[in-house]
Amino acid sequence: MNRKIGLVFAVILSVAGIASGADVDQSTPKAAAMGFAKAMENGDAALAKELSVGSEQDQKVLSSMLEFTGSIKKLRDSASKKYGDKADEVTGGGMNVDSSKLLEDAQIQENGDTATVMSGKPQPSAMNLKKVDGKWKVDLSTTLKNASGPGQDIEQFQQMLKGWTSAINETATEIDDGKYTAPAEASQALQVKMMAALKSVSATTEPSTAPSEGATTQPAK
């Protein structure tokens, strides 16, 4: 995968049984971060919003992130049904991240009522938190600002997420319809769609190179 896409994946998926808010430990930054990540993995919008704080625009982006992670799940399911144990050749390592598990080994930098949870896998990424009424919550404003690319504002980041979600959902549907006989074909098609979505966001978005032939969706190392 293009390095820019890989890095953004890492941030999104690091902040990505469904529990109720009362069951989530918010006594430490790490516990709150893991609870938020599990909510993202499970598509639990209500819990993800309860465990975070941010502006109205931040909440809109959070909704787009949930749609994005949902599209990845759909792609995984479609690839697994079509290609079996070769499904990872479509989704790649970047889309097969257990973000809550990765946070188990995360480094914590705590400073009063703010904290940063640092994860080094699959790419370096950070989740920012703040203490609100004695409970730790994900600070969406700071976290999403770090996720955005150079020269990219939060609205452009949201549009990029929507474009990627559409590309992933479209590819999953095409796999279901039997358009791609081999996983490499589906992977290449997904690369092209995602790069097109990235480039169409705005002229201020950082330029990216086209994916090489046979590339997978695994983030660059």
N, C-alpha and C. Protein backbone atom coordinates (compact mmCIF):
# COMPACT_ATOMS: atom_id res chain seq x y z
N MET A 1 0.84 -1.19 0.00
CA MET A 1 0.00 0.00 0.00
C MET A 1 0.87 1.24 0.00
N ASN A 2 0.43 2.29 -0.66
CA ASN A 2 1.11 3.57 -0.61
C ASN A 2 1.37 3.96 0.84
N ARG A 3 2.55 4.54 1.14
CA ARG A 3 2.94 4.81 2.52
C ARG A 3 1.96 5.74 3.22
N LYS A 4 1.45 6.76 2.50
CA LYS A 4 0.51 7.69 3.12
C LYS A 4 -0.75 6.96 3.56
N ILE A 5 -1.28 6.09 2.69
CA ILE A 5 -2.47 5.34 3.05
C ILE A 5 -2.18 4.45 4.25
N GLY A 6 -1.00 3.82 4.24
CA GLY A 6 -0.64 2.94 5.34
C GLY A 6 -0.57 3.66 6.66
N LEU A 7 0.00 4.86 6.69
CA LEU A 7 0.11 5.62 7.93
C LEU A 7 -1.26 6.06 8.44
N VAL A 8 -2.12 6.48 7.52
CA VAL A 8 -3.46 6.89 7.94
C VAL A 8 -4.24 5.69 8.48
N PHE A 9 -4.09 4.53 7.80
CA PHE A 9 -4.71 3.30 8.30
C PHE A 9 -4.30 3.06 9.75
N ALA A 10 -3.00 3.22 10.02
CA ALA A 10 -2.49 2.91 11.35
C ALA A 10 -3.16 3.77 12.41
N VAL A 11 -3.32 5.06 12.11
CA VAL A 11 -3.96 5.95 13.08
C VAL A 11 -5.44 5.62 13.25
N ILE A 12 -6.12 5.42 12.13
CA ILE A 12 -7.54 5.12 12.20
C ILE A 12 -7.80 3.84 12.96
N LEU A 13 -7.05 2.82 12.63
CA LEU A 13 -7.31 1.52 13.23
C LEU A 13 -6.80 1.42 14.65
N SER A 14 -5.94 2.35 15.07
CA SER A 14 -5.49 2.32 16.44
C SER A 14 -6.48 3.03 17.35
N VAL A 15 -7.38 3.85 16.70
CA VAL A 15 -8.41 4.50 17.51
C VAL A 15 -9.73 3.86 17.25
N ALA A 16 -9.64 2.67 16.39
CA ALA A 16 -10.86 1.93 15.95
C ALA A 16 -11.00 0.66 16.88
N GLY A 17 -17.72 -9.07 22.59
CA GLY A 17 -19.03 -8.61 23.01
C GLY A 17 -19.08 -7.14 23.24
N ILE A 18 -20.04 -6.43 22.62
CA ILE A 18 -20.22 -5.00 22.77
C ILE A 18 -20.60 -4.69 24.21
N ALA A 19 -19.85 -3.79 24.82
CA ALA A 19 -20.10 -3.46 26.23
C ALA A 19 -20.89 -2.17 26.34
N SER A 20 -21.50 -1.97 27.47
CA SER A 20 -22.17 -0.70 27.74
C SER A 20 -21.16 0.24 28.34
N GLY A 21 -21.46 1.54 28.34
CA GLY A 21 -20.54 2.52 28.87
C GLY A 21 -20.18 2.23 30.32
N ALA A 22 -21.12 1.71 31.09
CA ALA A 22 -20.89 1.44 32.49
C ALA A 22 -19.86 0.33 32.68
N ASP A 23 -19.67 -0.52 31.68
CA ASP A 23 -18.73 -1.64 31.78
C ASP A 23 -17.32 -1.27 31.38
N VAL A 24 -17.11 -0.10 30.82
CA VAL A 24 -15.80 0.29 30.31
C VAL A 24 -15.02 1.02 31.40
N ASP A 25 -13.80 0.57 31.64
CA ASP A 25 -12.92 1.19 32.62
C ASP A 25 -12.35 2.47 32.05
N GLN A 26 -12.64 3.59 32.68
CA GLN A 26 -12.11 4.88 32.24
C GLN A 26 -11.22 5.50 33.31
N SER A 27 -10.70 4.64 34.20
CA SER A 27 -9.88 5.14 35.30
C SER A 27 -8.46 5.46 34.87
N THR A 28 -8.02 4.90 33.74
CA THR A 28 -6.68 5.16 33.22
C THR A 28 -6.77 5.47 31.73
N PRO A 29 -5.80 6.20 31.19
CA PRO A 29 -5.82 6.49 29.75
C PRO A 29 -5.80 5.22 28.90
N LYS A 30 -4.99 4.24 29.28
CA LYS A 30 -4.87 3.02 28.51
C LYS A 30 -6.16 2.24 28.47
N ALA A 31 -6.82 2.12 29.63
CA ALA A 31 -8.09 1.38 29.69
C ALA A 31 -9.15 2.06 28.84
N ALA A 32 -9.21 3.39 28.90
CA ALA A 32 -10.20 4.14 28.12
C ALA A 32 -9.90 4.00 26.63
N ALA A 33 -8.62 4.04 26.26
CA ALA A 33 -8.23 3.90 24.85
C ALA A 33 -8.62 2.53 24.32
N MET A 34 -8.39 1.49 25.11
CA MET A 34 -8.75 0.14 24.68
C MET A 34 -10.26 -0.02 24.56
N GLY A 35 -11.00 0.59 25.47
CA GLY A 35 -12.46 0.54 25.39
C GLY A 35 -12.98 1.23 24.14
N PHE A 36 -12.35 2.36 23.80
CA PHE A 36 -12.74 3.09 22.58
C PHE A 36 -12.41 2.26 21.35
N ALA A 37 -11.22 1.64 21.33
CA ALA A 37 -10.81 0.83 20.18
C ALA A 37 -11.78 -0.34 19.98
N LYS A 38 -12.19 -0.98 21.08
CA LYS A 38 -13.13 -2.10 20.97
C LYS A 38 -14.49 -1.63 20.45
N ALA A 39 -14.91 -0.43 20.88
CA ALA A 39 -16.17 0.11 20.39
C ALA A 39 -16.10 0.34 18.88
N MET A 40 -14.95 0.84 18.41
CA MET A 40 -14.76 1.05 16.98
C MET A 40 -14.79 -0.27 16.22
N GLU A 41 -14.11 -1.28 16.78
CA GLU A 41 -14.07 -2.60 16.14
C GLU A 41 -15.47 -3.20 16.03
N ASN A 42 -16.26 -2.99 17.07
CA ASN A 42 -17.60 -3.57 17.10
C ASN A 42 -18.66 -2.72 16.40
N GLY A 43 -18.26 -1.54 15.93
CA GLY A 43 -19.23 -0.66 15.28
C GLY A 43 -20.23 -0.07 16.24
N ASP A 44 -19.84 0.05 17.51
CA ASP A 44 -20.74 0.58 18.54
C ASP A 44 -20.60 2.10 18.59
N ALA A 45 -21.40 2.79 17.77
CA ALA A 45 -21.30 4.25 17.66
C ALA A 45 -21.62 4.94 18.98
N ALA A 46 -22.64 4.47 19.67
CA ALA A 46 -23.04 5.11 20.92
C ALA A 46 -21.92 5.06 21.96
N LEU A 47 -21.29 3.89 22.08
CA LEU A 47 -20.21 3.75 23.06
C LEU A 47 -18.98 4.55 22.64
N ALA A 48 -18.65 4.53 21.35
CA ALA A 48 -17.50 5.30 20.88
C ALA A 48 -17.68 6.79 21.17
N LYS A 49 -18.90 7.29 21.00
CA LYS A 49 -19.17 8.71 21.29
C LYS A 49 -19.11 8.98 22.78
N GLU A 50 -19.57 8.02 23.58
CA GLU A 50 -19.54 8.19 25.03
C GLU A 50 -18.12 8.23 25.57
N LEU A 51 -17.22 7.52 24.89
CA LEU A 51 -15.83 7.43 25.35
C LEU A 51 -14.92 8.46 24.70
N SER A 52 -15.52 9.46 24.05
CA SER A 52 -14.72 10.48 23.38
C SER A 52 -15.31 11.86 23.61
N VAL A 53 -14.52 12.85 23.31
CA VAL A 53 -14.97 14.23 23.44
C VAL A 53 -14.42 15.01 22.25
N GLY A 54 -15.24 15.91 21.70
CA GLY A 54 -14.81 16.68 20.54
C GLY A 54 -15.93 17.55 20.03
N SER A 55 -15.64 18.31 18.99
CA SER A 55 -16.62 19.22 18.40
C SER A 55 -17.65 18.46 17.59
N GLU A 56 -18.64 19.17 17.10
CA GLU A 56 -19.65 18.56 16.25
C GLU A 56 -19.03 18.00 14.99
N GLN A 57 -18.05 18.70 14.42
CA GLN A 57 -17.35 18.21 13.23
C GLN A 57 -16.55 16.96 13.56
N ASP A 58 -15.94 16.94 14.73
CA ASP A 58 -15.19 15.75 15.15
C ASP A 58 -16.11 14.53 15.23
N GLN A 59 -17.32 14.74 15.74
CA GLN A 59 -18.26 13.63 15.85
C GLN A 59 -18.71 13.14 14.47
N LYS A 60 -18.80 14.05 13.53
CA LYS A 60 -19.13 13.65 12.16
C LYS A 60 -18.02 12.78 11.57
N VAL A 61 -16.78 13.18 11.84
CA VAL A 61 -15.66 12.38 11.36
C VAL A 61 -15.64 11.02 12.03
N LEU A 62 -15.98 10.99 13.32
CA LEU A 62 -16.05 9.71 14.04
C LEU A 62 -17.07 8.79 13.37
N SER A 63 -18.20 9.33 12.97
CA SER A 63 -19.20 8.53 12.27
C SER A 63 -18.65 7.98 10.96
N SER A 64 -17.87 8.81 10.26
CA SER A 64 -17.26 8.36 9.01
C SER A 64 -16.21 7.27 9.28
N MET A 65 -15.51 7.38 10.40
CA MET A 65 -14.53 6.36 10.78
C MET A 65 -15.22 5.03 11.05
N LEU A 66 -16.37 5.08 11.70
CA LEU A 66 -17.13 3.86 11.98
C LEU A 66 -17.61 3.22 10.68
N GLU A 67 -18.05 4.04 9.72
CA GLU A 67 -18.45 3.51 8.42
C GLU A 67 -17.25 2.89 7.70
N PHE A 68 -16.09 3.52 7.86
CA PHE A 68 -14.87 3.03 7.23
C PHE A 68 -14.48 1.66 7.80
N THR A 69 -14.46 1.54 9.12
CA THR A 69 -14.10 0.26 9.72
C THR A 69 -15.14 -0.81 9.40
N GLY A 70 -16.41 -0.39 9.24
CA GLY A 70 -17.46 -1.34 8.84
C GLY A 70 -17.24 -1.86 7.43
N SER A 71 -16.75 -0.98 6.55
CA SER A 71 -16.48 -1.41 5.17
C SER A 71 -15.33 -2.40 5.12
N ILE A 72 -14.36 -2.22 6.00
CA ILE A 72 -13.23 -3.15 6.06
C ILE A 72 -13.72 -4.53 6.48
N LYS A 73 -14.61 -4.57 7.45
CA LYS A 73 -15.18 -5.86 7.89
C LYS A 73 -15.91 -6.54 6.73
N LYS A 74 -16.66 -5.74 5.97
CA LYS A 74 -17.38 -6.28 4.82
C LYS A 74 -16.40 -6.87 3.80
N LEU A 75 -15.30 -6.16 3.54
CA LEU A 75 -14.31 -6.64 2.59
C LEU A 75 -13.66 -7.93 3.08
N ARG A 76 -13.33 -7.98 4.36
CA ARG A 76 -12.75 -9.19 4.92
C ARG A 76 -13.67 -10.39 4.71
N ASP A 77 -14.95 -10.17 5.02
CA ASP A 77 -15.93 -11.26 4.88
C ASP A 77 -16.03 -11.72 3.43
N SER A 78 -16.11 -10.77 2.51
CA SER A 78 -16.23 -11.12 1.09
C SER A 78 -14.99 -11.85 0.59
N ALA A 79 -13.82 -11.36 0.99
CA ALA A 79 -12.57 -11.99 0.56
C ALA A 79 -12.42 -13.40 1.14
N SER A 80 -12.83 -13.56 2.39
CA SER A 80 -12.73 -14.88 3.02
C SER A 80 -13.64 -15.90 2.34
N LYS A 81 -14.85 -15.47 2.00
CA LYS A 81 -15.79 -16.38 1.34
C LYS A 81 -15.30 -16.77 -0.06
N LYS A 82 -14.69 -15.81 -0.76
CA LYS A 82 -14.27 -16.04 -2.14
C LYS A 82 -12.92 -16.74 -2.23
N TYR A 83 -11.96 -16.31 -1.40
CA TYR A 83 -10.59 -16.78 -1.57
C TYR A 83 -10.06 -17.63 -0.41
N GLY A 84 -10.86 -17.84 0.60
CA GLY A 84 -10.44 -18.69 1.71
C GLY A 84 -9.21 -18.17 2.42
N ASP A 85 -8.19 -19.04 2.57
CA ASP A 85 -7.00 -18.65 3.32
C ASP A 85 -6.11 -17.67 2.56
N LYS A 86 -6.50 -17.30 1.33
CA LYS A 86 -5.76 -16.30 0.57
C LYS A 86 -6.40 -14.91 0.69
N ALA A 87 -7.37 -14.79 1.57
CA ALA A 87 -8.08 -13.51 1.72
C ALA A 87 -7.16 -12.37 2.11
N ASP A 88 -6.11 -12.67 2.88
CA ASP A 88 -5.19 -11.62 3.31
C ASP A 88 -4.48 -10.96 2.14
N GLU A 89 -4.44 -11.63 1.00
CA GLU A 89 -3.81 -11.03 -0.17
C GLU A 89 -4.63 -9.86 -0.70
N VAL A 90 -5.89 -9.82 -0.33
CA VAL A 90 -6.75 -8.69 -0.70
C VAL A 90 -6.68 -7.61 0.37
N THR A 91 -6.89 -7.99 1.61
CA THR A 91 -6.98 -7.01 2.69
C THR A 91 -5.62 -6.55 3.19
N GLY A 92 -4.63 -7.42 3.16
CA GLY A 92 -3.30 -7.05 3.63
C GLY A 92 -3.26 -6.87 5.14
N GLY A 93 -2.06 -6.75 5.68
CA GLY A 93 -1.89 -6.61 7.12
C GLY A 93 -2.55 -5.37 7.68
N GLY A 94 -2.58 -4.29 6.90
CA GLY A 94 -3.15 -3.04 7.39
C GLY A 94 -4.63 -3.09 7.68
N MET A 95 -5.33 -4.05 7.07
CA MET A 95 -6.77 -4.19 7.31
C MET A 95 -7.10 -5.36 8.23
N ASN A 96 -6.07 -5.98 8.77
CA ASN A 96 -6.30 -7.12 9.65
C ASN A 96 -5.71 -6.84 11.03
N VAL A 97 -5.85 -5.61 11.47
CA VAL A 97 -5.26 -5.19 12.73
C VAL A 97 -6.27 -5.31 13.87
N ASP A 98 -5.87 -6.01 14.92
CA ASP A 98 -6.66 -6.06 16.15
C ASP A 98 -6.19 -4.88 16.99
N SER A 99 -6.81 -3.71 16.78
CA SER A 99 -6.29 -2.48 17.38
C SER A 99 -6.32 -2.50 18.89
N SER A 100 -7.38 -3.07 19.49
CA SER A 100 -7.45 -3.10 20.95
C SER A 100 -6.33 -3.97 21.52
N LYS A 101 -5.97 -5.05 20.83
CA LYS A 101 -4.89 -5.91 21.30
C LYS A 101 -3.54 -5.21 21.18
N LEU A 102 -3.35 -4.47 20.09
CA LEU A 102 -2.10 -3.74 19.92
C LEU A 102 -1.88 -2.73 21.04
N LEU A 103 -2.97 -2.18 21.57
CA LEU A 103 -2.85 -1.18 22.62
C LEU A 103 -2.41 -1.77 23.95
N GLU A 104 -2.43 -3.10 24.07
CA GLU A 104 -1.99 -3.74 25.30
C GLU A 104 -0.53 -3.43 25.59
N ASP A 105 0.27 -3.25 24.53
CA ASP A 105 1.70 -2.96 24.69
C ASP A 105 2.04 -1.51 24.40
N ALA A 106 1.02 -0.66 24.37
CA ALA A 106 1.24 0.75 24.05
C ALA A 106 1.97 1.47 25.19
N GLN A 107 2.69 2.52 24.82
CA GLN A 107 3.38 3.37 25.79
C GLN A 107 2.48 4.54 26.17
N ILE A 108 2.46 4.89 27.45
CA ILE A 108 1.59 5.96 27.94
C ILE A 108 2.42 7.15 28.39
N GLN A 109 2.07 8.32 27.90
CA GLN A 109 2.66 9.57 28.36
C GLN A 109 1.56 10.40 29.00
N GLU A 110 1.57 10.46 30.32
CA GLU A 110 0.50 11.14 31.06
C GLU A 110 1.03 12.44 31.65
N ASN A 111 0.25 13.51 31.49
CA ASN A 111 0.64 14.82 32.00
C ASN A 111 -0.59 15.52 32.56
N GLY A 112 -0.83 15.33 33.85
CA GLY A 112 -2.00 15.92 34.47
C GLY A 112 -3.28 15.33 33.93
N ASP A 113 -4.11 16.19 33.35
CA ASP A 113 -5.41 15.74 32.83
C ASP A 113 -5.36 15.41 31.34
N THR A 114 -4.18 15.30 30.77
CA THR A 114 -4.04 14.89 29.38
C THR A 114 -3.07 13.72 29.30
N ALA A 115 -3.21 12.93 28.24
CA ALA A 115 -2.34 11.78 28.07
C ALA A 115 -2.26 11.41 26.60
N THR A 116 -1.20 10.72 26.24
CA THR A 116 -1.00 10.21 24.88
C THR A 116 -0.69 8.73 24.96
N VAL A 117 -1.43 7.94 24.18
CA VAL A 117 -1.20 6.51 24.10
C VAL A 117 -0.48 6.24 22.79
N MET A 118 0.75 5.76 22.89
CA MET A 118 1.60 5.56 21.71
C MET A 118 1.67 4.09 21.35
N SER A 119 1.34 3.77 20.09
CA SER A 119 1.44 2.41 19.58
C SER A 119 2.41 2.39 18.42
N GLY A 120 3.34 1.42 18.43
CA GLY A 120 4.35 1.36 17.38
C GLY A 120 4.03 0.41 16.26
N LYS A 121 2.92 -0.34 16.35
CA LYS A 121 2.58 -1.35 15.35
C LYS A 121 1.17 -1.12 14.85
N PRO A 122 0.84 -1.38 13.56
CA PRO A 122 1.79 -1.73 12.50
C PRO A 122 2.60 -0.53 12.02
N GLN A 123 2.13 0.69 12.38
CA GLN A 123 2.87 1.91 12.09
C GLN A 123 2.79 2.77 13.35
N PRO A 124 3.79 3.62 13.60
CA PRO A 124 3.72 4.51 14.77
C PRO A 124 2.47 5.38 14.71
N SER A 125 1.74 5.43 15.81
CA SER A 125 0.52 6.23 15.85
C SER A 125 0.25 6.64 17.29
N ALA A 126 -0.58 7.65 17.46
CA ALA A 126 -0.86 8.17 18.79
C ALA A 126 -2.34 8.46 18.96
N MET A 127 -2.85 8.19 20.15
CA MET A 127 -4.21 8.54 20.51
C MET A 127 -4.13 9.48 21.70
N ASN A 128 -4.75 10.63 21.59
CA ASN A 128 -4.72 11.62 22.66
C ASN A 128 -5.98 11.53 23.52
N LEU A 129 -5.81 11.65 24.82
CA LEU A 129 -6.94 11.58 25.74
C LEU A 129 -6.91 12.74 26.72
N LYS A 130 -8.06 13.02 27.29
CA LYS A 130 -8.14 14.02 28.34
C LYS A 130 -9.11 13.53 29.41
N LYS A 131 -8.92 14.01 30.63
CA LYS A 131 -9.78 13.62 31.73
C LYS A 131 -10.94 14.61 31.83
N VAL A 132 -12.16 14.07 31.78
CA VAL A 132 -13.36 14.89 31.85
C VAL A 132 -14.23 14.36 32.99
N ASP A 133 -14.48 15.21 33.99
CA ASP A 133 -15.27 14.81 35.16
C ASP A 133 -14.74 13.52 35.79
N GLY A 134 -13.41 13.43 35.86
CA GLY A 134 -12.78 12.30 36.51
C GLY A 134 -12.65 11.05 35.66
N LYS A 135 -13.10 11.10 34.39
CA LYS A 135 -13.02 9.94 33.51
C LYS A 135 -12.18 10.28 32.27
N TRP A 136 -11.34 9.31 31.87
CA TRP A 136 -10.53 9.52 30.68
C TRP A 136 -11.35 9.27 29.42
N LYS A 137 -11.19 10.19 28.46
CA LYS A 137 -11.89 10.07 27.18
C LYS A 137 -10.93 10.41 26.04
N VAL A 138 -11.19 9.85 24.87
CA VAL A 138 -10.36 10.15 23.71
C VAL A 138 -10.65 11.57 23.25
N ASP A 139 -9.59 12.35 23.09
CA ASP A 139 -9.70 13.73 22.61
C ASP A 139 -9.67 13.69 21.08
N LEU A 140 -10.86 13.72 20.49
CA LEU A 140 -10.97 13.58 19.04
C LEU A 140 -10.28 14.71 18.29
N SER A 141 -10.39 15.92 18.81
CA SER A 141 -9.83 17.08 18.10
C SER A 141 -8.34 16.90 17.85
N THR A 142 -7.60 16.54 18.89
CA THR A 142 -6.15 16.37 18.76
C THR A 142 -5.80 15.11 18.00
N THR A 143 -6.49 14.02 18.29
CA THR A 143 -6.20 12.74 17.64
C THR A 143 -6.45 12.82 16.14
N LEU A 144 -7.58 13.41 15.75
CA LEU A 144 -7.91 13.50 14.33
C LEU A 144 -7.00 14.48 13.60
N LYS A 145 -6.57 15.52 14.30
CA LYS A 145 -5.63 16.47 13.70
C LYS A 145 -4.34 15.76 13.34
N ASN A 146 -3.89 14.86 14.22
CA ASN A 146 -2.67 14.10 13.97
C ASN A 146 -2.86 13.11 12.83
N ALA A 147 -4.10 12.63 12.65
CA ALA A 147 -4.38 11.64 11.60
C ALA A 147 -4.42 12.28 10.22
N SER A 148 -4.77 13.55 10.15
CA SER A 148 -4.87 14.22 8.86
C SER A 148 -3.49 14.41 8.25
N GLY A 149 -3.44 14.41 6.93
CA GLY A 149 -2.18 14.59 6.24
C GLY A 149 -1.75 16.04 6.20
N PRO A 150 -0.51 16.32 5.81
CA PRO A 150 -0.01 17.70 5.70
C PRO A 150 -0.89 18.52 4.76
N GLY A 151 -1.29 19.69 5.21
CA GLY A 151 -2.11 20.57 4.39
C GLY A 151 -3.55 20.12 4.26
N GLN A 152 -3.95 19.12 5.06
CA GLN A 152 -5.30 18.57 4.95
C GLN A 152 -6.09 18.94 6.20
N ASP A 153 -7.25 19.59 6.02
CA ASP A 153 -8.05 19.91 7.20
C ASP A 153 -8.99 18.75 7.53
N ILE A 154 -9.72 18.90 8.63
CA ILE A 154 -10.52 17.79 9.13
C ILE A 154 -11.66 17.42 8.17
N GLU A 155 -12.20 18.41 7.47
CA GLU A 155 -13.26 18.12 6.51
C GLU A 155 -12.72 17.33 5.31
N GLN A 156 -11.52 17.66 4.89
CA GLN A 156 -10.89 16.90 3.80
C GLN A 156 -10.59 15.47 4.25
N PHE A 157 -10.17 15.34 5.50
CA PHE A 157 -9.92 14.01 6.06
C PHE A 157 -11.20 13.18 6.05
N GLN A 158 -12.31 13.81 6.40
CA GLN A 158 -13.59 13.11 6.39
C GLN A 158 -13.97 12.70 4.98
N GLN A 159 -13.76 13.58 4.01
CA GLN A 159 -14.07 13.24 2.63
C GLN A 159 -13.19 12.09 2.13
N MET A 160 -11.93 12.08 2.57
CA MET A 160 -11.05 10.99 2.20
C MET A 160 -11.58 9.67 2.76
N LEU A 161 -12.02 9.69 4.02
CA LEU A 161 -12.58 8.49 4.63
C LEU A 161 -13.79 7.99 3.85
N LYS A 162 -14.65 8.92 3.47
CA LYS A 162 -15.85 8.55 2.71
C LYS A 162 -15.46 7.93 1.36
N GLY A 163 -14.46 8.53 0.72
CA GLY A 163 -14.01 7.99 -0.57
C GLY A 163 -13.44 6.59 -0.42
N TRP A 164 -12.65 6.37 0.63
CA TRP A 164 -12.08 5.06 0.86
C TRP A 164 -13.16 4.04 1.23
N THR A 165 -14.13 4.48 2.01
CA THR A 165 -15.24 3.58 2.39
C THR A 165 -15.98 3.12 1.15
N SER A 166 -16.26 4.06 0.25
CA SER A 166 -16.94 3.72 -1.00
C SER A 166 -16.12 2.75 -1.83
N ALA A 167 -14.80 3.00 -1.90
CA ALA A 167 -13.92 2.12 -2.68
C ALA A 167 -13.89 0.71 -2.12
N ILE A 168 -13.83 0.61 -0.81
CA ILE A 168 -13.76 -0.71 -0.17
C ILE A 168 -15.08 -1.45 -0.33
N ASN A 169 -16.19 -0.74 -0.10
CA ASN A 169 -17.51 -1.38 -0.27
C ASN A 169 -17.72 -1.84 -1.71
N GLU A 170 -17.31 -1.01 -2.65
CA GLU A 170 -17.47 -1.36 -4.08
C GLU A 170 -16.66 -2.60 -4.42
N THR A 171 -15.44 -2.67 -3.90
CA THR A 171 -14.59 -3.83 -4.17
C THR A 171 -15.17 -5.09 -3.55
N ALA A 172 -15.71 -4.97 -2.34
CA ALA A 172 -16.33 -6.12 -1.68
C ALA A 172 -17.51 -6.64 -2.50
N THR A 173 -18.31 -5.73 -3.02
CA THR A 173 -19.46 -6.13 -3.85
C THR A 173 -18.99 -6.81 -5.14
N GLU A 174 -17.93 -6.26 -5.74
CA GLU A 174 -17.39 -6.86 -6.96
C GLU A 174 -16.84 -8.27 -6.71
N ILE A 175 -16.25 -8.47 -5.55
CA ILE A 175 -15.77 -9.81 -5.18
C ILE A 175 -16.96 -10.75 -5.05
N ASP A 176 -18.01 -10.29 -4.37
CA ASP A 176 -19.22 -11.10 -4.21
C ASP A 176 -19.81 -11.47 -5.57
N ASP A 177 -19.72 -10.55 -6.53
CA ASP A 177 -20.29 -10.77 -7.86
C ASP A 177 -19.37 -11.60 -8.77
N GLY A 178 -18.21 -12.00 -8.25
CA GLY A 178 -17.30 -12.85 -9.03
C GLY A 178 -16.48 -12.12 -10.07
N LYS A 179 -16.30 -10.80 -9.89
CA LYS A 179 -15.57 -10.03 -10.91
C LYS A 179 -14.08 -10.38 -10.92
N TYR A 180 -13.53 -10.74 -9.77
CA TYR A 180 -12.10 -11.01 -9.67
C TYR A 180 -11.87 -12.48 -9.34
N THR A 181 -11.21 -13.18 -10.24
CA THR A 181 -10.98 -14.61 -10.03
C THR A 181 -9.82 -14.87 -9.07
N ALA A 182 -8.90 -13.93 -8.95
CA ALA A 182 -7.74 -14.10 -8.07
C ALA A 182 -7.67 -12.94 -7.08
N PRO A 183 -7.19 -13.19 -5.87
CA PRO A 183 -7.11 -12.12 -4.86
C PRO A 183 -6.23 -10.96 -5.30
N ALA A 184 -5.17 -11.24 -6.08
CA ALA A 184 -4.29 -10.17 -6.54
C ALA A 184 -5.04 -9.17 -7.42
N GLU A 185 -6.00 -9.67 -8.20
CA GLU A 185 -6.80 -8.78 -9.05
C GLU A 185 -7.64 -7.85 -8.19
N ALA A 186 -8.26 -8.40 -7.17
CA ALA A 186 -9.09 -7.59 -6.28
C ALA A 186 -8.25 -6.57 -5.53
N SER A 187 -7.07 -6.98 -5.10
CA SER A 187 -6.17 -6.08 -4.38
C SER A 187 -5.76 -4.90 -5.25
N GLN A 188 -5.38 -5.20 -6.50
CA GLN A 188 -4.96 -4.14 -7.42
C GLN A 188 -6.11 -3.18 -7.71
N ALA A 189 -7.30 -3.72 -7.90
CA ALA A 189 -8.47 -2.87 -8.16
C ALA A 189 -8.75 -1.95 -6.97
N LEU A 190 -8.60 -2.51 -5.78
CA LEU A 190 -8.81 -1.70 -4.57
C LEU A 190 -7.78 -0.59 -4.46
N GLN A 191 -6.53 -0.92 -4.77
CA GLN A 191 -5.47 0.09 -4.76
C GLN A 191 -5.82 1.27 -5.67
N VAL A 192 -6.23 0.95 -6.88
CA VAL A 192 -6.55 1.99 -7.86
C VAL A 192 -7.70 2.87 -7.36
N LYS A 193 -8.74 2.24 -6.82
CA LYS A 193 -9.90 2.99 -6.32
C LYS A 193 -9.51 3.89 -5.16
N MET A 194 -8.69 3.37 -4.24
CA MET A 194 -8.33 4.16 -3.07
C MET A 194 -7.41 5.31 -3.43
N MET A 195 -6.49 5.09 -4.37
CA MET A 195 -5.63 6.17 -4.80
C MET A 195 -6.43 7.26 -5.51
N ALA A 196 -7.42 6.86 -6.29
CA ALA A 196 -8.26 7.84 -6.98
C ALA A 196 -9.04 8.67 -5.98
N ALA A 197 -9.55 8.01 -4.93
CA ALA A 197 -10.30 8.72 -3.89
C ALA A 197 -9.39 9.69 -3.15
N LEU A 198 -8.16 9.28 -2.89
CA LEU A 198 -7.21 10.13 -2.19
C LEU A 198 -6.88 11.37 -3.00
N LYS A 199 -6.66 11.19 -4.29
CA LYS A 199 -6.26 12.31 -5.14
C LYS A 199 -7.41 13.28 -5.42
N SER A 200 -8.64 12.78 -5.30
CA SER A 200 -9.79 13.62 -5.62
C SER A 200 -10.24 14.50 -4.47
N VAL A 201 -9.69 14.28 -3.29
CA VAL A 201 -10.15 15.03 -2.11
C VAL A 201 -9.91 16.52 -2.29
N SER A 202 -8.66 16.87 -2.58
CA SER A 202 -8.35 18.30 -2.72
C SER A 202 -6.98 18.48 -3.33
N ALA A 203 -6.74 19.59 -3.97
CA ALA A 203 -5.43 19.89 -4.54
C ALA A 203 -4.40 20.09 -3.45
N THR A 204 -4.88 20.36 -2.21
CA THR A 204 -3.95 20.58 -1.10
C THR A 204 -3.53 19.30 -0.44
N THR A 205 -4.17 18.19 -0.82
CA THR A 205 -3.77 16.90 -0.26
C THR A 205 -2.42 16.52 -0.80
N GLU A 206 -1.59 15.94 0.05
CA GLU A 206 -0.23 15.57 -0.35
C GLU A 206 -0.27 14.63 -1.55
N PRO A 207 0.50 14.90 -2.61
CA PRO A 207 0.52 14.02 -3.78
C PRO A 207 1.01 12.62 -3.41
N SER A 208 0.49 11.63 -4.12
CA SER A 208 0.88 10.25 -3.87
C SER A 208 1.19 9.57 -5.19
N THR A 209 2.05 8.58 -5.16
CA THR A 209 2.38 7.84 -6.36
C THR A 209 1.41 6.71 -6.55
N ALA A 210 1.25 6.27 -7.79
CA ALA A 210 0.33 5.18 -8.08
C ALA A 210 0.89 3.88 -7.54
N PRO A 211 0.03 2.94 -7.10
CA PRO A 211 0.51 1.66 -6.57
C PRO A 211 1.16 0.84 -7.66
N SER A 212 2.20 0.10 -7.27
CA SER A 212 2.88 -0.74 -8.24
C SER A 212 2.08 -1.99 -8.55
N GLU A 213 2.34 -2.60 -9.68
CA GLU A 213 1.62 -3.79 -10.10
C GLU A 213 1.82 -4.90 -9.09
N GLY A 214 0.73 -5.54 -8.70
CA GLY A 214 0.80 -6.65 -7.76
C GLY A 214 0.90 -6.21 -6.32
N ALA A 215 0.76 -4.90 -6.06
CA ALA A 215 0.87 -4.42 -4.69
C ALA A 215 -0.30 -4.92 -3.87
N THR A 216 -0.06 -5.10 -2.58
CA THR A 216 -1.15 -5.50 -1.67
C THR A 216 -1.53 -4.29 -0.85
N THR A 217 -2.56 -4.45 -0.03
CA THR A 217 -3.01 -3.36 0.81
C THR A 217 -2.29 -3.32 2.14
N GLN A 218 -1.16 -4.01 2.25
CA GLN A 218 -0.40 -3.98 3.49
C GLN A 218 0.41 -2.69 3.57
N PRO A 219 0.41 -1.99 4.73
CA PRO A 219 1.14 -0.75 4.84
C PRO A 219 2.62 -0.93 4.58
N ALA A 220 3.25 0.10 4.01
CA ALA A 220 4.69 0.05 3.78
C ALA A 220 5.42 0.04 5.10
N LYS A 221 6.53 -0.67 5.16
CA LYS A 221 7.33 -0.72 6.38
C LYS A 221 8.53 0.22 6.26
